[in-house]
Amino acid sequence: MTWTAPRVNREDFPLDLPEREALQAFITWHRQTLLLKVAGLTGEQLASHPIPSSGLTLLGILRHMAEVERHWWRVRVAGEDVASLYVDDDEWHGIDPDSAARDYRQLLDEWSAVDRTAAGYSLEHLFDRRGETWSIRSLYLHLIEEWARHNGHADLLREAIDGETGE
């Protein structure tokens, strides 16, 4: 039986939330947006290269965002000794349609782990990023940008796969 990405709902949120809750709500909204972009697609479709001039795949984006959140929150901020999910940017290469269900689950599991980590730090908490000092607030803004960029890629990939468009 071929695995298919599940249907999901994206939750709206009020824009008058306190800052921390608003930042987290935007991250959650972008996460759910990616899940909407892949919903109903098979592992084969997620692993496909629907735009011939690009090496991007929807499965690669799923894998990349799991790695991004793990790296920033758990490695950079919390200093956890957790291995990278993919070696040498391999989240983009070696895409296997048979791993789609596992990769999807890994993304959801990583969100739970990073949300627990993030909850332990104030927006003013500072951490080192390759010799630069960043705040948790800056990290949230960076991740919102990262999510928005890759969701734009996902829009194009999904439309090229089956014509599906939307937010």
Protein backbone atom coordinates (compact mmCIF):
# COMPACT_ATOMS: atom_id res chain seq x y z
CA MET A 1 0.00 0.00 0.00
CA THR A 2 1.34 3.42 -0.96
CA TRP A 3 1.61 5.98 1.82
CA THR A 4 -0.16 9.31 1.27
CA ALA A 5 0.44 12.46 3.30
CA PRO A 6 -2.58 13.05 5.54
CA ARG A 7 -5.06 15.88 5.21
CA VAL A 8 -4.55 18.62 7.79
CA ASN A 9 -6.22 21.77 9.02
CA ARG A 10 -4.40 25.04 9.38
CA GLU A 11 -5.43 27.07 12.39
CA ASP A 12 -5.92 30.81 12.15
CA PHE A 13 -4.84 32.94 15.07
CA PRO A 14 -5.59 36.44 16.33
CA LEU A 15 -3.02 39.06 15.41
CA ASP A 16 -3.23 40.80 18.78
CA LEU A 17 -1.40 38.08 20.70
CA PRO A 18 1.46 38.96 23.04
CA GLU A 19 4.80 38.93 21.21
CA ARG A 20 6.01 35.47 22.19
CA GLU A 21 2.69 33.82 21.43
CA ALA A 22 2.47 35.68 18.11
CA LEU A 23 5.93 34.53 17.04
CA GLN A 24 5.11 30.94 17.91
CA ALA A 25 1.72 31.23 16.17
CA PHE A 26 3.39 32.39 12.94
CA ILE A 27 5.82 29.44 13.09
CA THR A 28 2.92 27.04 13.70
CA TRP A 29 0.94 28.57 10.85
CA HIS A 30 3.88 28.14 8.46
CA ARG A 31 4.42 24.57 9.62
CA GLN A 32 0.78 23.78 8.96
CA THR A 33 1.04 25.49 5.58
CA LEU A 34 3.76 23.07 4.50
CA LEU A 35 1.63 20.16 5.66
CA LEU A 36 -1.23 21.54 3.55
CA LYS A 37 1.09 21.71 0.53
CA VAL A 38 1.96 18.01 0.81
CA ALA A 39 -1.45 16.70 1.91
CA GLY A 40 -2.87 14.03 -0.36
CA LEU A 41 0.40 13.35 -2.17
CA THR A 42 2.11 9.98 -2.27
CA GLY A 43 5.72 9.33 -1.37
CA GLU A 44 6.47 9.10 -5.08
CA GLN A 45 4.95 12.52 -5.73
CA LEU A 46 6.74 14.05 -2.74
CA ALA A 47 10.08 12.69 -4.00
CA SER A 48 9.51 13.77 -7.60
CA HIS A 49 11.33 16.61 -9.35
CA PRO A 50 8.35 18.30 -11.03
CA ILE A 51 10.33 21.35 -12.15
CA PRO A 52 13.06 20.08 -14.49
CA SER A 53 15.40 23.01 -13.89
CA SER A 54 15.32 22.52 -10.09
CA GLY A 55 16.56 19.79 -7.80
CA LEU A 56 13.97 20.72 -5.17
CA THR A 57 11.42 18.19 -3.99
CA LEU A 58 8.63 18.50 -1.47
CA LEU A 59 10.14 15.62 0.50
CA GLY A 60 13.46 17.47 0.51
CA ILE A 61 11.76 20.54 1.96
CA LEU A 62 10.11 18.43 4.67
CA ARG A 63 13.45 16.89 5.56
CA HIS A 64 15.27 20.23 5.42
CA MET A 65 12.84 21.95 7.77
CA ALA A 66 13.16 19.14 10.31
CA GLU A 67 16.92 19.61 10.17
CA VAL A 68 16.67 23.40 10.33
CA GLU A 69 14.53 23.42 13.44
CA ARG A 70 16.63 20.72 15.14
CA HIS A 71 19.85 22.55 14.40
CA TRP A 72 18.73 25.98 15.52
CA TRP A 73 16.82 25.09 18.68
CA ARG A 74 18.34 21.90 19.97
CA VAL A 75 21.97 22.33 18.86
CA ARG A 76 22.59 26.08 18.72
CA VAL A 77 20.29 27.30 21.50
CA ALA A 78 20.14 24.38 23.93
CA GLY A 79 23.55 22.86 23.17
CA GLU A 80 22.08 19.36 22.99
CA ASP A 81 24.37 16.64 21.73
CA VAL A 82 22.01 15.41 19.03
CA ALA A 83 23.19 14.23 15.67
CA SER A 84 22.15 15.93 12.48
CA LEU A 85 19.28 14.16 10.80
CA TYR A 86 21.16 14.32 7.49
CA VAL A 87 24.87 14.54 6.81
CA ASP A 88 26.28 17.20 4.49
CA ASP A 89 22.92 18.63 3.41
CA ASP A 90 21.76 15.14 2.43
CA GLU A 91 18.18 16.12 3.20
CA TRP A 92 18.11 17.38 -0.39
CA HIS A 93 19.68 14.30 -1.99
CA GLY A 94 19.11 10.59 -1.80
CA ILE A 95 15.38 11.18 -1.60
CA ASP A 96 13.55 7.88 -1.26
CA PRO A 97 9.78 7.75 -1.77
CA ASP A 98 9.66 4.75 0.56
CA SER A 99 10.95 6.94 3.42
CA ALA A 100 8.24 9.60 3.01
CA ALA A 101 6.09 8.39 5.91
CA ARG A 102 9.12 8.17 8.20
CA ASP A 103 10.41 11.58 7.12
CA TYR A 104 6.96 13.14 7.65
CA ARG A 105 6.72 11.60 11.15
CA GLN A 106 10.26 12.76 11.92
CA LEU A 107 9.28 16.33 11.05
CA LEU A 108 6.29 16.22 13.43
CA ASP A 109 8.41 14.66 16.17
CA GLU A 110 11.07 17.33 15.73
CA TRP A 111 8.47 20.07 16.10
CA SER A 112 7.41 18.63 19.44
CA ALA A 113 11.01 18.45 20.62
CA VAL A 114 11.92 21.98 19.54
CA ASP A 115 8.74 23.46 20.98
CA ARG A 116 9.62 21.96 24.36
CA THR A 117 13.12 23.42 24.02
CA ALA A 118 11.91 26.85 22.90
CA ALA A 119 9.50 27.12 25.83
CA GLY A 120 12.46 27.18 28.20
CA TYR A 121 14.01 30.38 26.84
CA SER A 122 12.98 34.03 27.03
CA LEU A 123 12.95 36.16 23.91
CA GLU A 124 15.94 38.04 25.33
CA HIS A 125 18.06 34.92 25.84
CA LEU A 126 21.29 35.18 23.85
CA PHE A 127 23.18 32.39 22.13
CA ASP A 128 26.16 32.09 19.81
CA ARG A 129 25.73 31.59 16.10
CA ARG A 130 29.21 31.17 14.57
CA GLY A 131 30.68 34.05 16.56
CA GLU A 132 27.58 36.24 16.33
CA THR A 133 25.26 36.86 19.26
CA TRP A 134 21.63 36.17 18.48
CA SER A 135 18.54 36.49 20.64
CA ILE A 136 15.66 34.05 20.70
CA ARG A 137 13.56 36.86 19.23
CA SER A 138 15.95 37.08 16.25
CA LEU A 139 15.80 33.32 15.86
CA TYR A 140 12.01 33.34 15.67
CA LEU A 141 12.14 36.03 12.98
CA HIS A 142 14.80 34.12 11.04
CA LEU A 143 12.77 30.91 11.19
CA ILE A 144 9.61 32.69 10.02
CA GLU A 145 11.61 33.91 7.01
CA GLU A 146 12.98 30.41 6.39
CA TRP A 147 9.52 28.88 6.57
CA ALA A 148 8.02 31.53 4.27
CA ARG A 149 10.75 31.02 1.67
CA HIS A 150 10.40 27.26 1.59
CA ASN A 151 6.60 27.43 1.60
CA GLY A 152 6.91 29.55 -1.54
CA HIS A 153 9.03 26.79 -3.08
CA ALA A 154 6.42 24.25 -1.97
CA ASP A 155 3.68 26.28 -3.71
CA LEU A 156 5.50 26.01 -7.03
CA LEU A 157 6.35 22.34 -6.61
CA ARG A 158 2.81 21.37 -5.67
CA GLU A 159 1.33 23.25 -8.61
CA ALA A 160 3.78 21.52 -10.96
CA ILE A 161 2.84 18.10 -9.56
CA ASP A 162 -0.95 18.25 -9.82
CA GLY A 163 -2.07 21.81 -10.47
CA GLU A 164 -3.14 22.35 -6.85
CA THR A 165 -2.77 25.96 -5.74
CA GLY A 166 -3.70 27.87 -2.63
CA GLU A 167 -2.31 29.64 0.39
